[in-house]
Amino acid sequence: MSSDPQHSSARLVDRHPSISGTDLVATLVPPPQFDHASFDSYRPDPAYPSQDEARSLLRSFTEPEPPAARGGFFGFGRKKPAEPRPSAPSRPGVYLDGGFGVGKTHLLAAAWHATAGRKYFGTFIQYTALVGALGYDGALGVLQGARLICIDEFELDDPGDTMLMTRLIKDLTATGSRFIATSNTPPNALGEGRFAAADFMREIQAMSDRFVTVRIDGVDYRQRDIEGDAVALDTDAYRFALADVAASGERMTDDDFSQLIAHLATVHPSSYVGMLDGVQCIGLRDVHELTDQSAALRFVAFIDRVYDAQIPIRATGTTLTSIFGGGMLDGGYRKKYLRCMSRLNALTSSELEA
């Protein structure tokens, strides 16, 4: 990833990161907030048994195969086939379907940590970007042979992605790799409301047939201790926030919201993480409603990376949970926007780490 450690720009719009295929491969690990995620540290809500059931299934899915027993006298002779694990999924993939904030990414990271050998963890957009950077055969060569491939935020927003991921999953499962994916949408509903999914139902069905779908119910854990909308500051409070962060020795960026939205269109979403190097707090001035869907989706992708990095946001203008206008919340990307709103609420309420 290109970055200059000596450069301390105070504006995100001054950053023009690019990321190579090699750099992309290096990023295919869980976000720092899940460095120590485990099945034991996951706290299922007793009111929603499906959370504990999902944890048990994934624990079984990631357990190593038991050694084959030997037959004959004193254990000599032919190996007996190992007894199948009764609760282990029989398909090469597990698909975690559920609302945002129910712990799907925690479980995904726990499965990654519990799996020995070569493994990869990334968002859907990171894998499609890897293909873009290395070409299909190059990406397949990198991923081939991995014991486990974790895909977070699985979405099929256009026909090209549908065909690409169908082919990639088919080719990788054929060589023994296993998958775990998370999404807010069941696999047989991917693409609904966004493109003519019916025209690609055969490809979508072929992909979903490789997964055991597990539904996780629950409430958004990010909102349990947070009320109302994202926090919006007045101009004086925003200036004090800038001064406080500077006085603490941390780095806070300061950008006009319109300029940031325009800048995101010039950076590939896979490189958004490069815009955040060394940033401890993000400042956004004059936030306003978005009515262009492409711009809104780029902002969603950017906030996903901000949330992964757990960088607090301070903002003025319209509350960030109210920016998706023009009927966007009634369209095919509704769940994406709601997840982003949940994250924005948490990020504008969070404090700087000491």
Protein backbone atom coordinates (compact mmCIF):
# COMPACT_ATOMS: atom_id res chain seq x y z
CA MET A 1 0.00 0.00 0.00
CA SER A 2 1.46 3.35 -0.95
CA SER A 3 1.85 5.76 1.96
CA ASP A 4 4.32 8.33 3.18
CA PRO A 5 4.86 8.13 6.95
CA GLN A 6 6.35 11.63 6.93
CA HIS A 7 3.27 13.15 5.34
CA SER A 8 0.71 14.31 7.90
CA SER A 9 -2.10 15.68 5.77
CA ALA A 10 -5.02 17.04 7.74
CA ARG A 11 -7.47 16.27 4.92
CA LEU A 12 -8.63 12.95 3.57
CA VAL A 13 -9.16 14.52 0.16
CA ASP A 14 -5.41 15.07 -0.14
CA ARG A 15 -4.80 11.35 0.00
CA HIS A 16 -4.66 9.33 -3.20
CA PRO A 17 -3.74 5.80 -2.13
CA SER A 18 -3.37 2.91 -4.52
CA ILE A 19 -3.11 -0.72 -3.57
CA SER A 20 -1.35 -3.50 -5.46
CA GLY A 21 -2.40 -7.12 -5.74
CA THR A 22 0.35 -8.09 -3.29
CA ASP A 23 -0.87 -5.48 -0.82
CA LEU A 24 -4.43 -6.72 -1.22
CA VAL A 25 -3.42 -10.27 -0.33
CA ALA A 26 -1.69 -8.95 2.80
CA THR A 27 -4.95 -7.28 3.90
CA LEU A 28 -6.94 -10.53 3.78
CA VAL A 29 -7.02 -10.94 7.56
CA PRO A 30 -9.69 -9.95 10.13
CA PRO A 31 -9.92 -6.25 11.11
CA PRO A 32 -7.89 -5.29 14.22
CA GLN A 33 -10.99 -5.16 16.41
CA PHE A 34 -11.33 -8.92 15.84
CA ASP A 35 -7.68 -9.81 16.46
CA HIS A 36 -8.69 -11.88 19.48
CA ALA A 37 -12.17 -12.99 18.45
CA SER A 38 -12.96 -16.54 19.46
CA PHE A 39 -15.97 -18.78 19.86
CA ASP A 40 -15.58 -18.48 23.63
CA SER A 41 -15.54 -14.67 23.55
CA TYR A 42 -18.73 -14.54 21.48
CA ARG A 43 -21.65 -13.75 23.77
CA PRO A 44 -24.89 -15.16 22.33
CA ASP A 45 -28.08 -13.47 23.42
CA PRO A 46 -30.18 -16.04 25.37
CA ALA A 47 -33.31 -14.49 23.88
CA TYR A 48 -32.18 -15.62 20.42
CA PRO A 49 -31.13 -19.32 20.46
CA SER A 50 -30.06 -19.13 16.80
CA GLN A 51 -26.93 -17.24 17.89
CA ASP A 52 -25.65 -20.09 20.05
CA GLU A 53 -26.71 -22.61 17.39
CA ALA A 54 -24.68 -20.75 14.77
CA ARG A 55 -21.63 -20.71 17.05
CA SER A 56 -21.92 -24.47 17.65
CA LEU A 57 -22.24 -25.20 13.94
CA LEU A 58 -19.22 -23.07 13.02
CA ARG A 59 -17.17 -24.60 15.83
CA SER A 60 -17.93 -28.01 14.36
CA PHE A 61 -17.23 -26.79 10.82
CA THR A 62 -13.74 -25.58 11.77
CA GLU A 63 -12.75 -28.58 13.89
CA PRO A 64 -10.02 -30.70 12.30
CA GLU A 65 -11.12 -33.99 10.86
CA PRO A 66 -10.76 -36.80 13.43
CA PRO A 67 -8.01 -39.33 12.60
CA ALA A 68 -9.11 -42.56 11.00
CA ALA A 69 -9.23 -45.53 13.38
CA ARG A 70 -7.32 -48.72 12.59
CA GLY A 71 -9.00 -52.11 12.47
CA GLY A 72 -7.65 -55.60 13.09
CA PHE A 73 -5.90 -57.03 16.11
CA PHE A 74 -4.18 -54.49 18.37
CA GLY A 75 -5.13 -51.72 16.00
CA PHE A 76 -3.15 -53.06 13.05
CA GLY A 77 -4.57 -53.53 9.61
CA ARG A 78 -6.67 -51.35 7.39
CA LYS A 79 -7.74 -47.92 8.46
CA LYS A 80 -11.40 -47.58 9.25
CA PRO A 81 -13.10 -44.49 7.92
CA ALA A 82 -13.57 -41.86 10.58
CA GLU A 83 -17.01 -41.52 12.04
CA PRO A 84 -18.75 -38.46 10.58
CA ARG A 85 -19.29 -35.60 12.99
CA PRO A 86 -23.05 -35.46 13.46
CA SER A 87 -23.31 -31.68 13.62
CA ALA A 88 -20.71 -30.76 11.00
CA PRO A 89 -22.16 -29.26 7.78
CA SER A 90 -21.87 -31.61 4.83
CA ARG A 91 -21.43 -28.85 2.23
CA PRO A 92 -18.16 -26.98 1.66
CA GLY A 93 -19.60 -23.65 2.75
CA VAL A 94 -21.58 -22.03 5.55
CA TYR A 95 -23.61 -18.89 4.87
CA LEU A 96 -24.51 -16.74 7.88
CA ASP A 97 -27.67 -14.79 7.11
CA GLY A 98 -28.94 -12.25 9.61
CA GLY A 99 -29.54 -8.63 10.44
CA PHE A 100 -26.72 -6.20 11.11
CA GLY A 101 -25.19 -6.10 14.57
CA VAL A 102 -25.91 -9.70 15.61
CA GLY A 103 -22.26 -10.79 15.70
CA LYS A 104 -21.83 -12.41 12.29
CA THR A 105 -18.40 -10.87 11.70
CA HIS A 106 -17.25 -11.91 15.19
CA LEU A 107 -18.21 -15.51 14.43
CA LEU A 108 -16.54 -15.29 11.02
CA ALA A 109 -13.30 -14.04 12.61
CA ALA A 110 -13.54 -16.71 15.33
CA ALA A 111 -13.77 -19.40 12.65
CA TRP A 112 -10.74 -17.90 10.88
CA HIS A 113 -8.70 -17.93 14.10
CA ALA A 114 -9.79 -21.50 14.88
CA THR A 115 -8.64 -22.84 11.51
CA ALA A 116 -5.06 -24.02 11.10
CA GLY A 117 -3.15 -23.60 7.86
CA ARG A 118 -3.41 -21.07 5.07
CA LYS A 119 -6.61 -19.03 5.23
CA TYR A 120 -8.01 -15.71 4.06
CA PHE A 121 -10.51 -13.22 5.49
CA GLY A 122 -11.87 -10.30 3.52
CA THR A 123 -14.92 -8.39 2.49
CA PHE A 124 -16.69 -9.20 -0.73
CA ILE A 125 -15.25 -6.06 -2.31
CA GLN A 126 -11.70 -7.08 -1.37
CA TYR A 127 -12.02 -10.36 -3.28
CA THR A 128 -13.47 -8.72 -6.38
CA ALA A 129 -10.70 -6.10 -6.19
CA LEU A 130 -8.12 -8.89 -5.97
CA VAL A 131 -9.42 -10.32 -9.23
CA GLY A 132 -9.28 -6.84 -10.74
CA ALA A 133 -5.66 -6.41 -9.66
CA LEU A 134 -4.31 -9.88 -10.48
CA GLY A 135 -6.73 -11.11 -13.13
CA TYR A 136 -8.93 -14.15 -12.56
CA ASP A 137 -6.19 -16.76 -12.98
CA GLY A 138 -3.82 -14.78 -10.76
CA ALA A 139 -6.37 -14.44 -7.97
CA LEU A 140 -7.32 -18.10 -8.28
CA GLY A 141 -3.65 -19.06 -8.03
CA VAL A 142 -3.25 -17.05 -4.82
CA LEU A 143 -6.39 -18.41 -3.14
CA GLN A 144 -6.15 -21.99 -4.39
CA GLY A 145 -5.21 -24.49 -1.70
CA ALA A 146 -6.42 -22.35 1.20
CA ARG A 147 -8.15 -24.37 3.89
CA LEU A 148 -10.69 -21.64 4.61
CA ILE A 149 -11.86 -18.51 2.81
CA CYS A 150 -14.02 -16.10 4.79
CA ILE A 151 -16.15 -13.55 2.92
CA ASP A 152 -17.72 -10.76 4.97
CA GLU A 153 -20.56 -8.56 3.71
CA PHE A 154 -21.40 -10.83 0.79
CA GLU A 155 -23.39 -8.86 -1.77
CA LEU A 156 -24.05 -9.24 -5.47
CA ASP A 157 -24.73 -5.75 -6.74
CA ASP A 158 -24.29 -6.37 -10.46
CA PRO A 159 -24.31 -9.26 -12.94
CA GLY A 160 -20.53 -9.18 -13.39
CA ASP A 161 -19.97 -9.82 -9.69
CA THR A 162 -22.52 -12.62 -9.80
CA MET A 163 -20.68 -14.45 -12.57
CA LEU A 164 -17.28 -13.77 -11.02
CA MET A 165 -18.08 -15.06 -7.54
CA THR A 166 -20.00 -18.06 -8.84
CA ARG A 167 -16.99 -19.13 -10.89
CA LEU A 168 -14.49 -18.42 -8.11
CA ILE A 169 -16.41 -20.38 -5.48
CA LYS A 170 -16.93 -23.27 -7.89
CA ASP A 171 -13.23 -23.47 -8.81
CA LEU A 172 -12.00 -23.14 -5.22
CA THR A 173 -14.40 -25.65 -3.68
CA ALA A 174 -13.42 -28.10 -6.43
CA THR A 175 -9.85 -28.04 -5.08
CA GLY A 176 -10.83 -28.50 -1.44
CA SER A 177 -11.19 -24.97 -0.07
CA ARG A 178 -14.05 -24.29 2.28
CA PHE A 179 -16.00 -21.06 2.65
CA ILE A 180 -17.84 -19.13 5.32
CA ALA A 181 -19.76 -16.04 4.20
CA THR A 182 -21.86 -13.45 5.99
CA SER A 183 -24.62 -11.29 4.57
CA ASN A 184 -27.82 -9.48 5.41
CA THR A 185 -29.48 -11.28 2.49
CA PRO A 186 -30.20 -15.00 2.03
CA PRO A 187 -28.21 -16.45 -0.90
CA ASN A 188 -31.30 -17.16 -2.98
CA ALA A 189 -32.27 -13.46 -2.72
CA LEU A 190 -28.89 -11.97 -3.67
CA GLY A 191 -29.26 -9.23 -6.25
CA GLU A 192 -32.96 -8.66 -5.56
CA GLY A 193 -33.99 -5.11 -6.33
CA ARG A 194 -30.59 -4.22 -7.79
CA PHE A 195 -30.43 -5.97 -11.15
CA ALA A 196 -32.43 -8.55 -13.08
CA ALA A 197 -31.60 -11.34 -10.64
CA ALA A 198 -34.05 -13.70 -12.35
CA ASP A 199 -31.82 -13.69 -15.43
CA PHE A 200 -28.95 -15.02 -13.34
CA MET A 201 -30.91 -17.39 -11.09
CA ARG A 202 -29.06 -20.45 -12.39
CA GLU A 203 -25.71 -18.96 -11.40
CA ILE A 204 -27.03 -17.74 -8.04
CA GLN A 205 -28.59 -21.14 -7.32
CA ALA A 206 -25.40 -22.98 -8.30
CA MET A 207 -23.48 -20.85 -5.82
CA SER A 208 -26.01 -21.11 -2.99
CA ASP A 209 -26.13 -24.91 -3.38
CA ARG A 210 -22.56 -25.01 -2.05
CA PHE A 211 -23.59 -23.36 1.24
CA VAL A 212 -25.50 -24.45 4.29
CA THR A 213 -27.52 -21.36 5.19
CA VAL A 214 -27.70 -20.46 8.88
CA ARG A 215 -30.10 -17.77 10.02
CA ILE A 216 -28.98 -15.65 13.01
CA ASP A 217 -31.65 -13.58 14.73
CA GLY A 218 -31.13 -10.82 17.27
CA VAL A 219 -30.96 -7.10 17.92
CA ASP A 220 -28.18 -4.73 16.85
CA TYR A 221 -25.61 -4.85 19.65
CA ARG A 222 -24.21 -1.46 18.57
CA GLN A 223 -27.48 0.23 19.54
CA ARG A 224 -27.98 -1.36 22.95
CA ASP A 225 -26.44 1.60 24.78
CA ILE A 226 -27.02 4.31 22.15
CA GLU A 227 -30.17 6.37 21.73
CA GLY A 228 -31.48 8.24 18.70
CA ASP A 229 -29.54 9.50 15.69
CA ALA A 230 -25.85 9.99 15.03
CA VAL A 231 -24.34 12.88 16.97
CA ALA A 232 -24.07 16.19 15.06
CA LEU A 233 -21.99 19.04 16.53
CA ASP A 234 -22.44 22.77 16.13
CA THR A 235 -19.55 24.76 14.67
CA ASP A 236 -18.02 25.72 18.03
CA ALA A 237 -18.21 22.17 19.41
CA TYR A 238 -16.57 20.90 16.23
CA ARG A 239 -13.69 23.39 16.58
CA PHE A 240 -13.23 22.35 20.20
CA ALA A 241 -13.11 18.70 19.06
CA LEU A 242 -10.37 19.53 16.56
CA ALA A 243 -8.41 21.38 19.24
CA ASP A 244 -8.85 18.62 21.82
CA VAL A 245 -7.60 15.93 19.47
CA ALA A 246 -4.61 18.05 18.42
CA ALA A 247 -3.78 18.76 22.07
CA SER A 248 -3.79 15.04 22.81
CA GLY A 249 -1.16 14.46 20.14
CA GLU A 250 -3.51 12.47 17.94
CA ARG A 251 -4.29 13.15 14.28
CA MET A 252 -7.77 14.30 13.27
CA THR A 253 -8.65 14.95 9.65
CA ASP A 254 -10.89 17.86 8.70
CA ASP A 255 -12.87 17.63 5.46
CA ASP A 256 -15.84 19.27 3.81
CA PHE A 257 -18.44 16.52 3.33
CA SER A 258 -19.18 17.40 -0.31
CA GLN A 259 -15.48 17.37 -1.18
CA LEU A 260 -14.99 13.98 0.49
CA ILE A 261 -17.95 12.49 -1.40
CA ALA A 262 -16.47 13.75 -4.68
CA HIS A 263 -13.00 12.46 -3.75
CA LEU A 264 -14.28 8.94 -3.01
CA ALA A 265 -15.26 8.66 -6.68
CA THR A 266 -11.58 9.04 -7.63
CA VAL A 267 -10.30 6.23 -5.36
CA HIS A 268 -11.06 2.54 -5.85
CA PRO A 269 -13.06 1.24 -2.86
CA SER A 270 -10.41 -1.41 -2.21
CA SER A 271 -7.98 1.44 -1.50
CA TYR A 272 -10.21 3.33 0.94
CA VAL A 273 -8.33 1.70 3.79
CA GLY A 274 -5.20 3.52 2.60
CA MET A 275 -6.89 6.86 3.23
CA LEU A 276 -7.07 6.03 6.93
CA ASP A 277 -3.38 5.36 7.70
CA GLY A 278 -2.42 7.10 10.92
CA VAL A 279 -5.82 8.74 11.42
CA GLN A 280 -7.24 8.65 14.97
CA CYS A 281 -10.38 10.75 14.38
CA ILE A 282 -12.30 11.92 11.30
CA GLY A 283 -13.90 15.36 11.06
CA LEU A 284 -16.65 16.08 8.51
CA ARG A 285 -18.08 19.57 8.03
CA ASP A 286 -21.47 20.51 6.55
CA VAL A 287 -22.89 17.01 6.18
CA HIS A 288 -25.93 16.96 3.90
CA GLU A 289 -28.40 14.53 2.41
CA LEU A 290 -27.25 12.30 -0.45
CA THR A 291 -29.58 11.61 -3.36
CA ASP A 292 -27.13 10.02 -5.81
CA GLN A 293 -27.09 6.28 -5.21
CA SER A 294 -23.58 5.71 -6.56
CA ALA A 295 -22.17 8.36 -4.24
CA ALA A 296 -24.13 6.91 -1.32
CA LEU A 297 -22.82 3.39 -1.94
CA ARG A 298 -19.24 4.66 -2.13
CA PHE A 299 -19.74 6.39 1.23
CA VAL A 300 -21.13 3.14 2.67
CA ALA A 301 -18.01 1.29 1.51
CA PHE A 302 -15.81 4.00 3.04
CA ILE A 303 -17.63 3.85 6.39
CA ASP A 304 -17.22 0.06 6.42
CA ARG A 305 -13.44 0.59 6.42
CA VAL A 306 -13.70 3.37 9.02
CA TYR A 307 -15.70 1.04 11.23
CA ASP A 308 -13.20 -1.79 10.76
CA ALA A 309 -10.50 0.60 11.98
CA GLN A 310 -12.75 1.86 14.80
CA ILE A 311 -12.02 5.54 14.04
CA PRO A 312 -14.44 7.98 15.77
CA ILE A 313 -16.21 10.59 13.64
CA ARG A 314 -17.07 14.19 14.55
CA ALA A 315 -19.45 15.97 12.18
CA THR A 316 -21.51 19.12 11.65
CA GLY A 317 -24.65 19.65 9.61
CA THR A 318 -27.25 16.96 8.96
CA THR A 319 -26.97 13.94 11.23
CA LEU A 320 -25.09 11.19 9.41
CA THR A 321 -27.92 8.74 10.06
CA SER A 322 -30.23 10.97 7.99
CA ILE A 323 -28.19 11.35 4.81
CA PHE A 324 -29.69 8.60 2.67
CA GLY A 325 -32.48 10.44 0.86
CA GLY A 326 -34.35 10.16 -2.41
CA GLY A 327 -36.15 6.96 -1.41
CA MET A 328 -32.89 5.03 -0.97
CA LEU A 329 -34.14 3.34 2.19
CA ASP A 330 -37.03 1.86 0.21
CA GLY A 331 -34.84 0.35 -2.52
CA GLY A 332 -32.75 -2.77 -3.03
CA TYR A 333 -29.84 -1.45 -0.96
CA ARG A 334 -31.95 -0.76 2.13
CA LYS A 335 -30.06 -3.24 4.33
CA LYS A 336 -26.71 -1.77 3.31
CA TYR A 337 -27.84 1.71 4.27
CA LEU A 338 -29.32 0.55 7.58
CA ARG A 339 -26.09 -1.22 8.48
CA CYS A 340 -24.14 1.93 7.63
CA MET A 341 -26.49 4.05 9.75
CA SER A 342 -25.95 1.71 12.69
CA ARG A 343 -22.20 2.05 12.30
CA LEU A 344 -22.37 5.83 11.92
CA ASN A 345 -24.40 6.08 15.10
CA ALA A 346 -21.77 4.10 16.97
CA LEU A 347 -18.80 5.97 15.45
CA THR A 348 -20.14 9.44 16.22
CA SER A 349 -20.83 8.34 19.80
CA SER A 350 -17.48 6.64 20.42
CA GLU A 351 -14.59 8.21 22.27
CA LEU A 352 -10.97 8.42 21.24
CA GLU A 353 -8.91 5.55 22.60
CA ALA A 354 -6.42 6.56 25.26
